Amino acid sequence: NPAAIIGVPVGFVGAAEAKDLLSQKPIPSILT
C-alpha cells in the first residue's frame, strides 16, 4: 500500500508496458 510511485524505468523490454500499467492505477504517480 505505497503512498506514491515514481515509475520511470528505462529500456526496450517491458519499460513502456510497465509504465502504461501504472498509469491505469488510482495510486499517485509520476511516470514517463
Full PDB file with SEQRES, HELIX, SHEET, SSBOND, CRYST1, ORIGX, SCALE, CONECT and MASTER records, all heavy atoms in Angstrom:
SEQRES   1 A   32  ASN PRO ALA ALA ILE ILE GLY VAL PRO VAL GLY PHE VAL          
SEQRES   2 A   32  GLY ALA ALA GLU ALA LYS ASP LEU LEU SER GLN LYS PRO          
SEQRES   3 A   32  ILE PRO SER ILE LEU THR                                      
HELIX    1 AA1 ALA A   15  SER A   23  1                                   9    
SHEET    1 AA1 2 ILE A   5  GLY A   7  0                                        
SHEET    2 AA1 2 SER A  29  LEU A  31  1                                        
CRYST1    1.000    1.000    1.000  90.00  90.00  90.00 P 1           1          
ORIGX1      1.000000  0.000000  0.000000        0.00000                         
ORIGX2      0.000000  1.000000  0.000000        0.00000                         
ORIGX3      0.000000  0.000000  1.000000        0.00000                         
SCALE1      1.000000  0.000000  0.000000        0.00000                         
SCALE2      0.000000  1.000000  0.000000        0.00000                         
SCALE3      0.000000  0.000000  1.000000        0.00000                         
ATOM      1  N   ASN A   1       0.841  -1.197   0.000  1.00  0.00           N  
ATOM      2  CA  ASN A   1       0.000   0.000   0.000  1.00  0.00           C  
ATOM      3  C   ASN A   1       0.882   1.255   0.000  1.00  0.00           C  
ATOM      4  O   ASN A   1       0.890   2.029   0.961  1.00  0.00           O  
ATOM      5  CB  ASN A   1      -0.930   0.007   1.210  1.00  0.00           C  
ATOM      6  CG  ASN A   1      -1.911   1.162   1.167  1.00  0.00           C  
ATOM      7  OD1 ASN A   1      -2.316   1.607   0.093  1.00  0.00           O  
ATOM      8  ND2 ASN A   1      -2.290   1.660   2.332  1.00  0.00           N  
ATOM      9  N   PRO A   2       1.636   1.455  -1.071  1.00  0.00           N  
ATOM     10  CA  PRO A   2       2.527   2.618  -1.115  1.00  0.00           C  
ATOM     11  C   PRO A   2       1.754   3.925  -1.175  1.00  0.00           C  
ATOM     12  O   PRO A   2       0.617   3.965  -1.664  1.00  0.00           O  
ATOM     13  CB  PRO A   2       3.336   2.401  -2.397  1.00  0.00           C  
ATOM     14  CG  PRO A   2       2.492   1.508  -3.239  1.00  0.00           C  
ATOM     15  CD  PRO A   2       1.726   0.633  -2.295  1.00  0.00           C  
ATOM     16  N   ALA A   3       2.374   4.980  -0.677  1.00  0.00           N  
ATOM     17  CA  ALA A   3       1.748   6.298  -0.751  1.00  0.00           C  
ATOM     18  C   ALA A   3       1.796   6.842  -2.170  1.00  0.00           C  
ATOM     19  O   ALA A   3       0.886   7.560  -2.603  1.00  0.00           O  
ATOM     20  CB  ALA A   3       2.456   7.256   0.200  1.00  0.00           C  
ATOM     21  N   ALA A   4       2.852   6.513  -2.886  1.00  0.00           N  
ATOM     22  CA  ALA A   4       3.029   7.008  -4.253  1.00  0.00           C  
ATOM     23  C   ALA A   4       4.149   6.236  -4.935  1.00  0.00           C  
ATOM     24  O   ALA A   4       4.975   5.599  -4.280  1.00  0.00           O  
ATOM     25  CB  ALA A   4       3.352   8.497  -4.248  1.00  0.00           C  
ATOM     26  N   ILE A   5       4.150   6.314  -6.262  1.00  0.00           N  
ATOM     27  CA  ILE A   5       5.186   5.657  -7.060  1.00  0.00           C  
ATOM     28  C   ILE A   5       5.750   6.651  -8.070  1.00  0.00           C  
ATOM     29  O   ILE A   5       4.995   7.333  -8.769  1.00  0.00           O  
ATOM     30  CB  ILE A   5       4.629   4.432  -7.813  1.00  0.00           C  
ATOM     31  CG1 ILE A   5       4.097   3.382  -6.838  1.00  0.00           C  
ATOM     32  CG2 ILE A   5       5.706   3.817  -8.715  1.00  0.00           C  
ATOM     33  CD1 ILE A   5       3.371   2.231  -7.517  1.00  0.00           C  
ATOM     34  N   ILE A   6       7.061   6.727  -8.121  1.00  0.00           N  
ATOM     35  CA  ILE A   6       7.744   7.394  -9.232  1.00  0.00           C  
ATOM     36  C   ILE A   6       8.258   6.273 -10.122  1.00  0.00           C  
ATOM     37  O   ILE A   6       9.168   5.534  -9.755  1.00  0.00           O  
ATOM     38  CB  ILE A   6       8.890   8.290  -8.736  1.00  0.00           C  
ATOM     39  CG1 ILE A   6       8.320   9.441  -7.890  1.00  0.00           C  
ATOM     40  CG2 ILE A   6       9.697   8.840  -9.913  1.00  0.00           C  
ATOM     41  CD1 ILE A   6       9.368  10.296  -7.216  1.00  0.00           C  
ATOM     42  N   GLY A   7       7.626   6.102 -11.263  1.00  0.00           N  
ATOM     43  CA  GLY A   7       7.922   4.961 -12.130  1.00  0.00           C  
ATOM     44  C   GLY A   7       8.482   5.417 -13.464  1.00  0.00           C  
ATOM     45  O   GLY A   7       7.720   5.788 -14.365  1.00  0.00           O  
ATOM     46  N   VAL A   8       9.806   5.399 -13.576  1.00  0.00           N  
ATOM     47  CA  VAL A   8      10.439   5.843 -14.820  1.00  0.00           C  
ATOM     48  C   VAL A   8      11.495   4.839 -15.295  1.00  0.00           C  
ATOM     49  O   VAL A   8      12.596   5.226 -15.706  1.00  0.00           O  
ATOM     50  CB  VAL A   8      11.055   7.250 -14.663  1.00  0.00           C  
ATOM     51  CG1 VAL A   8       9.966   8.288 -14.511  1.00  0.00           C  
ATOM     52  CG2 VAL A   8      12.007   7.321 -13.459  1.00  0.00           C  
ATOM     53  N   PRO A   9      11.189   3.532 -15.270  1.00  0.00           N  
ATOM     54  CA  PRO A   9      12.189   2.570 -15.742  1.00  0.00           C  
ATOM     55  C   PRO A   9      12.495   2.790 -17.225  1.00  0.00           C  
ATOM     56  O   PRO A   9      11.615   3.136 -18.008  1.00  0.00           O  
ATOM     57  CB  PRO A   9      11.520   1.211 -15.499  1.00  0.00           C  
ATOM     58  CG  PRO A   9      10.059   1.500 -15.472  1.00  0.00           C  
ATOM     59  CD  PRO A   9       9.937   2.856 -14.864  1.00  0.00           C  
ATOM     60  N   VAL A  10      13.753   2.566 -17.561  1.00  0.00           N  
ATOM     61  CA  VAL A  10      14.213   2.787 -18.923  1.00  0.00           C  
ATOM     62  C   VAL A  10      14.430   1.439 -19.602  1.00  0.00           C  
ATOM     63  O   VAL A  10      14.763   0.460 -18.945  1.00  0.00           O  
ATOM     64  CB  VAL A  10      15.536   3.592 -18.902  1.00  0.00           C  
ATOM     65  CG1 VAL A  10      16.631   2.839 -18.168  1.00  0.00           C  
ATOM     66  CG2 VAL A  10      15.996   3.956 -20.314  1.00  0.00           C  
ATOM     67  N   GLY A  11      14.238   1.380 -20.901  1.00  0.00           N  
ATOM     68  CA  GLY A  11      14.570   0.140 -21.592  1.00  0.00           C  
ATOM     69  C   GLY A  11      13.654  -0.206 -22.735  1.00  0.00           C  
ATOM     70  O   GLY A  11      12.688   0.499 -23.040  1.00  0.00           O  
ATOM     71  N   PHE A  12      13.959  -1.351 -23.360  1.00  0.00           N  
ATOM     72  CA  PHE A  12      13.241  -1.802 -24.551  1.00  0.00           C  
ATOM     73  C   PHE A  12      12.307  -2.973 -24.277  1.00  0.00           C  
ATOM     74  O   PHE A  12      11.454  -3.292 -25.097  1.00  0.00           O  
ATOM     75  CB  PHE A  12      14.254  -2.194 -25.638  1.00  0.00           C  
ATOM     76  CG  PHE A  12      15.062  -1.035 -26.137  1.00  0.00           C  
ATOM     77  CD1 PHE A  12      16.306  -0.749 -25.599  1.00  0.00           C  
ATOM     78  CD2 PHE A  12      14.573  -0.209 -27.135  1.00  0.00           C  
ATOM     79  CE1 PHE A  12      17.054   0.324 -26.051  1.00  0.00           C  
ATOM     80  CE2 PHE A  12      15.311   0.875 -27.604  1.00  0.00           C  
ATOM     81  CZ  PHE A  12      16.551   1.137 -27.058  1.00  0.00           C  
ATOM     82  N   VAL A  13      12.492  -3.630 -23.135  1.00  0.00           N  
ATOM     83  CA  VAL A  13      11.662  -4.803 -22.820  1.00  0.00           C  
ATOM     84  C   VAL A  13      10.881  -4.525 -21.538  1.00  0.00           C  
ATOM     85  O   VAL A  13      11.436  -4.533 -20.441  1.00  0.00           O  
ATOM     86  CB  VAL A  13      12.525  -6.072 -22.644  1.00  0.00           C  
ATOM     87  CG1 VAL A  13      11.642  -7.267 -22.304  1.00  0.00           C  
ATOM     88  CG2 VAL A  13      13.334  -6.353 -23.901  1.00  0.00           C  
ATOM     89  N   GLY A  14       9.607  -4.238 -21.689  1.00  0.00           N  
ATOM     90  CA  GLY A  14       8.729  -4.095 -20.534  1.00  0.00           C  
ATOM     91  C   GLY A  14       8.640  -2.706 -19.936  1.00  0.00           C  
ATOM     92  O   GLY A  14       7.738  -2.436 -19.145  1.00  0.00           O  
ATOM     93  N   ALA A  15       9.546  -1.798 -20.289  1.00  0.00           N  
ATOM     94  CA  ALA A  15       9.552  -0.481 -19.659  1.00  0.00           C  
ATOM     95  C   ALA A  15       8.283   0.317 -19.989  1.00  0.00           C  
ATOM     96  O   ALA A  15       7.603   0.814 -19.091  1.00  0.00           O  
ATOM     97  CB  ALA A  15      10.793   0.299 -20.073  1.00  0.00           C  
ATOM     98  N   ALA A  16       7.984   0.436 -21.268  1.00  0.00           N  
ATOM     99  CA  ALA A  16       6.793   1.189 -21.670  1.00  0.00           C  
ATOM    100  C   ALA A  16       5.531   0.519 -21.150  1.00  0.00           C  
ATOM    101  O   ALA A  16       4.595   1.192 -20.688  1.00  0.00           O  
ATOM    102  CB  ALA A  16       6.746   1.319 -23.190  1.00  0.00           C  
ATOM    103  N   GLU A  17       5.518  -0.800 -21.183  1.00  0.00           N  
ATOM    104  CA  GLU A  17       4.328  -1.538 -20.752  1.00  0.00           C  
ATOM    105  C   GLU A  17       4.085  -1.391 -19.251  1.00  0.00           C  
ATOM    106  O   GLU A  17       2.945  -1.224 -18.806  1.00  0.00           O  
ATOM    107  CB  GLU A  17       4.480  -3.018 -21.112  1.00  0.00           C  
ATOM    108  CG  GLU A  17       4.475  -3.314 -22.610  1.00  0.00           C  
ATOM    109  CD  GLU A  17       5.822  -3.074 -23.288  1.00  0.00           C  
ATOM    110  OE1 GLU A  17       6.782  -2.675 -22.601  1.00  0.00           O  
ATOM    111  OE2 GLU A  17       5.914  -3.299 -24.512  1.00  0.00           O  
ATOM    112  N   ALA A  18       5.153  -1.454 -18.469  1.00  0.00           N  
ATOM    113  CA  ALA A  18       5.017  -1.315 -17.018  1.00  0.00           C  
ATOM    114  C   ALA A  18       4.486   0.068 -16.657  1.00  0.00           C  
ATOM    115  O   ALA A  18       3.620   0.218 -15.783  1.00  0.00           O  
ATOM    116  CB  ALA A  18       6.361  -1.572 -16.339  1.00  0.00           C  
ATOM    117  N   LYS A  19       4.982   1.089 -17.329  1.00  0.00           N  
ATOM    118  CA  LYS A  19       4.541   2.448 -17.042  1.00  0.00           C  
ATOM    119  C   LYS A  19       3.109   2.675 -17.516  1.00  0.00           C  
ATOM    120  O   LYS A  19       2.343   3.400 -16.865  1.00  0.00           O  
ATOM    121  CB  LYS A  19       5.511   3.446 -17.670  1.00  0.00           C  
ATOM    122  CG  LYS A  19       6.859   3.466 -16.943  1.00  0.00           C  
ATOM    123  CD  LYS A  19       7.850   4.417 -17.580  1.00  0.00           C  
ATOM    124  CE  LYS A  19       8.464   3.849 -18.832  1.00  0.00           C  
ATOM    125  NZ  LYS A  19       9.589   4.669 -19.331  1.00  0.00           N  
ATOM    126  N   ASP A  20       2.754   2.056 -18.627  1.00  0.00           N  
ATOM    127  CA  ASP A  20       1.367   2.161 -19.093  1.00  0.00           C  
ATOM    128  C   ASP A  20       0.413   1.534 -18.079  1.00  0.00           C  
ATOM    129  O   ASP A  20      -0.659   2.087 -17.798  1.00  0.00           O  
ATOM    130  CB  ASP A  20       1.224   1.474 -20.451  1.00  0.00           C  
ATOM    131  CG  ASP A  20      -0.181   1.603 -21.014  1.00  0.00           C  
ATOM    132  OD1 ASP A  20      -0.633   2.746 -21.224  1.00  0.00           O  
ATOM    133  OD2 ASP A  20      -0.837   0.569 -21.231  1.00  0.00           O  
ATOM    134  N   LEU A  21       0.824   0.406 -17.509  1.00  0.00           N  
ATOM    135  CA  LEU A  21       0.002  -0.243 -16.493  1.00  0.00           C  
ATOM    136  C   LEU A  21      -0.122   0.636 -15.252  1.00  0.00           C  
ATOM    137  O   LEU A  21      -1.208   0.769 -14.675  1.00  0.00           O  
ATOM    138  CB  LEU A  21       0.607  -1.607 -16.122  1.00  0.00           C  
ATOM    139  CG  LEU A  21      -0.185  -2.488 -15.155  1.00  0.00           C  
ATOM    140  CD1 LEU A  21      -1.559  -2.806 -15.716  1.00  0.00           C  
ATOM    141  CD2 LEU A  21       0.587  -3.780 -14.871  1.00  0.00           C  
ATOM    142  N   LEU A  22       0.990   1.256 -14.837  1.00  0.00           N  
ATOM    143  CA  LEU A  22       0.960   2.159 -13.692  1.00  0.00           C  
ATOM    144  C   LEU A  22      -0.006   3.312 -13.928  1.00  0.00           C  
ATOM    145  O   LEU A  22      -0.742   3.714 -13.016  1.00  0.00           O  
ATOM    146  CB  LEU A  22       2.371   2.692 -13.424  1.00  0.00           C  
ATOM    147  CG  LEU A  22       2.509   3.805 -12.365  1.00  0.00           C  
ATOM    148  CD1 LEU A  22       2.001   3.330 -11.008  1.00  0.00           C  
ATOM    149  CD2 LEU A  22       3.953   4.268 -12.273  1.00  0.00           C  
ATOM    150  N   SER A  23      -0.014   3.834 -15.137  1.00  0.00           N  
ATOM    151  CA  SER A  23      -0.872   4.986 -15.445  1.00  0.00           C  
ATOM    152  C   SER A  23      -2.352   4.676 -15.294  1.00  0.00           C  
ATOM    153  O   SER A  23      -3.172   5.587 -15.132  1.00  0.00           O  
ATOM    154  CB  SER A  23      -0.592   5.488 -16.867  1.00  0.00           C  
ATOM    155  OG  SER A  23      -1.088   4.574 -17.840  1.00  0.00           O  
ATOM    156  N   GLN A  24      -2.702   3.398 -15.335  1.00  0.00           N  
ATOM    157  CA  GLN A  24      -4.099   2.990 -15.221  1.00  0.00           C  
ATOM    158  C   GLN A  24      -4.549   2.793 -13.772  1.00  0.00           C  
ATOM    159  O   GLN A  24      -5.730   2.565 -13.510  1.00  0.00           O  
ATOM    160  CB  GLN A  24      -4.314   1.688 -15.997  1.00  0.00           C  
ATOM    161  CG  GLN A  24      -4.008   1.803 -17.481  1.00  0.00           C  
ATOM    162  CD  GLN A  24      -4.008   0.447 -18.169  1.00  0.00           C  
ATOM    163  OE1 GLN A  24      -4.775  -0.443 -17.817  1.00  0.00           O  
ATOM    164  NE2 GLN A  24      -3.126   0.277 -19.154  1.00  0.00           N  
ATOM    165  N   LYS A  25      -3.611   2.882 -12.832  1.00  0.00           N  
ATOM    166  CA  LYS A  25      -3.917   2.639 -11.428  1.00  0.00           C  
ATOM    167  C   LYS A  25      -4.280   3.951 -10.726  1.00  0.00           C  
ATOM    168  O   LYS A  25      -3.805   5.025 -11.095  1.00  0.00           O  
ATOM    169  CB  LYS A  25      -2.721   1.998 -10.727  1.00  0.00           C  
ATOM    170  CG  LYS A  25      -2.234   0.698 -11.369  1.00  0.00           C  
ATOM    171  CD  LYS A  25      -3.302  -0.370 -11.318  1.00  0.00           C  
ATOM    172  CE  LYS A  25      -2.776  -1.673 -11.935  1.00  0.00           C  
ATOM    173  NZ  LYS A  25      -3.818  -2.737 -11.949  1.00  0.00           N  
ATOM    174  N   PRO A  26      -5.096   3.880  -9.677  1.00  0.00           N  
ATOM    175  CA  PRO A  26      -5.508   5.102  -8.971  1.00  0.00           C  
ATOM    176  C   PRO A  26      -4.448   5.679  -8.039  1.00  0.00           C  
ATOM    177  O   PRO A  26      -4.657   6.723  -7.436  1.00  0.00           O  
ATOM    178  CB  PRO A  26      -6.738   4.636  -8.177  1.00  0.00           C  
ATOM    179  CG  PRO A  26      -6.514   3.176  -7.946  1.00  0.00           C  
ATOM    180  CD  PRO A  26      -5.816   2.681  -9.179  1.00  0.00           C  
ATOM    181  N   ILE A  27      -3.314   5.016  -7.891  1.00  0.00           N  
ATOM    182  CA  ILE A  27      -2.274   5.489  -6.983  1.00  0.00           C  
ATOM    183  C   ILE A  27      -1.615   6.770  -7.517  1.00  0.00           C  
ATOM    184  O   ILE A  27      -1.431   6.901  -8.732  1.00  0.00           O  
ATOM    185  CB  ILE A  27      -1.205   4.396  -6.755  1.00  0.00           C  
ATOM    186  CG1 ILE A  27      -0.201   4.843  -5.684  1.00  0.00           C  
ATOM    187  CG2 ILE A  27      -0.485   4.049  -8.056  1.00  0.00           C  
ATOM    188  CD1 ILE A  27       0.682   3.743  -5.189  1.00  0.00           C  
ATOM    189  N   PRO A  28      -1.260   7.708  -6.645  1.00  0.00           N  
ATOM    190  CA  PRO A  28      -0.488   8.873  -7.095  1.00  0.00           C  
ATOM    191  C   PRO A  28       0.823   8.430  -7.733  1.00  0.00           C  
ATOM    192  O   PRO A  28       1.553   7.610  -7.159  1.00  0.00           O  
ATOM    193  CB  PRO A  28      -0.240   9.651  -5.794  1.00  0.00           C  
ATOM    194  CG  PRO A  28      -1.365   9.255  -4.893  1.00  0.00           C  
ATOM    195  CD  PRO A  28      -1.623   7.808  -5.217  1.00  0.00           C  
ATOM    196  N   SER A  29       1.116   8.954  -8.908  1.00  0.00           N  
ATOM    197  CA  SER A  29       2.323   8.511  -9.609  1.00  0.00           C  
ATOM    198  C   SER A  29       2.871   9.605 -10.512  1.00  0.00           C  
ATOM    199  O   SER A  29       2.130  10.445 -11.025  1.00  0.00           O  
ATOM    200  CB  SER A  29       2.044   7.249 -10.441  1.00  0.00           C  
ATOM    201  OG  SER A  29       1.096   7.529 -11.464  1.00  0.00           O  
ATOM    202  N   ILE A  30       4.186   9.566 -10.678  1.00  0.00           N  
ATOM    203  CA  ILE A  30       4.871  10.363 -11.688  1.00  0.00           C  
ATOM    204  C   ILE A  30       5.601   9.372 -12.570  1.00  0.00           C  
ATOM    205  O   ILE A  30       6.315   8.495 -12.066  1.00  0.00           O  
ATOM    206  CB  ILE A  30       5.871  11.356 -11.065  1.00  0.00           C  
ATOM    207  CG1 ILE A  30       5.143  12.340 -10.130  1.00  0.00           C  
ATOM    208  CG2 ILE A  30       6.612  12.134 -12.161  1.00  0.00           C  
ATOM    209  CD1 ILE A  30       6.079  13.283  -9.392  1.00  0.00           C  
ATOM    210  N   LEU A  31       5.408   9.466 -13.881  1.00  0.00           N  
ATOM    211  CA  LEU A  31       5.994   8.477 -14.788  1.00  0.00           C  
ATOM    212  C   LEU A  31       6.354   9.115 -16.113  1.00  0.00           C  
ATOM    213  O   LEU A  31       5.983  10.258 -16.390  1.00  0.00           O  
ATOM    214  CB  LEU A  31       5.024   7.317 -14.985  1.00  0.00           C  
ATOM    215  CG  LEU A  31       3.621   7.666 -15.504  1.00  0.00           C  
ATOM    216  CD1 LEU A  31       3.561   7.541 -17.019  1.00  0.00           C  
ATOM    217  CD2 LEU A  31       2.568   6.750 -14.882  1.00  0.00           C  
ATOM    218  N   THR A  32       7.089   8.374 -16.897  1.00  0.00           N  
ATOM    219  CA  THR A  32       7.372   8.776 -18.269  1.00  0.00           C  
ATOM    220  C   THR A  32       6.705   7.780 -19.201  1.00  0.00           C  
ATOM    221  O   THR A  32       6.776   6.570 -18.969  1.00  0.00           O  
ATOM    222  CB  THR A  32       8.888   8.778 -18.560  1.00  0.00           C  
ATOM    223  OG1 THR A  32       9.461   7.532 -18.123  1.00  0.00           O  
ATOM    224  CG2 THR A  32       9.575   9.925 -17.847  1.00  0.00           C  
TER     225      THR A  32                                                      
MASTER        0    0    0    1    2    0    0    6  224    1    0    3          
END                                                                             
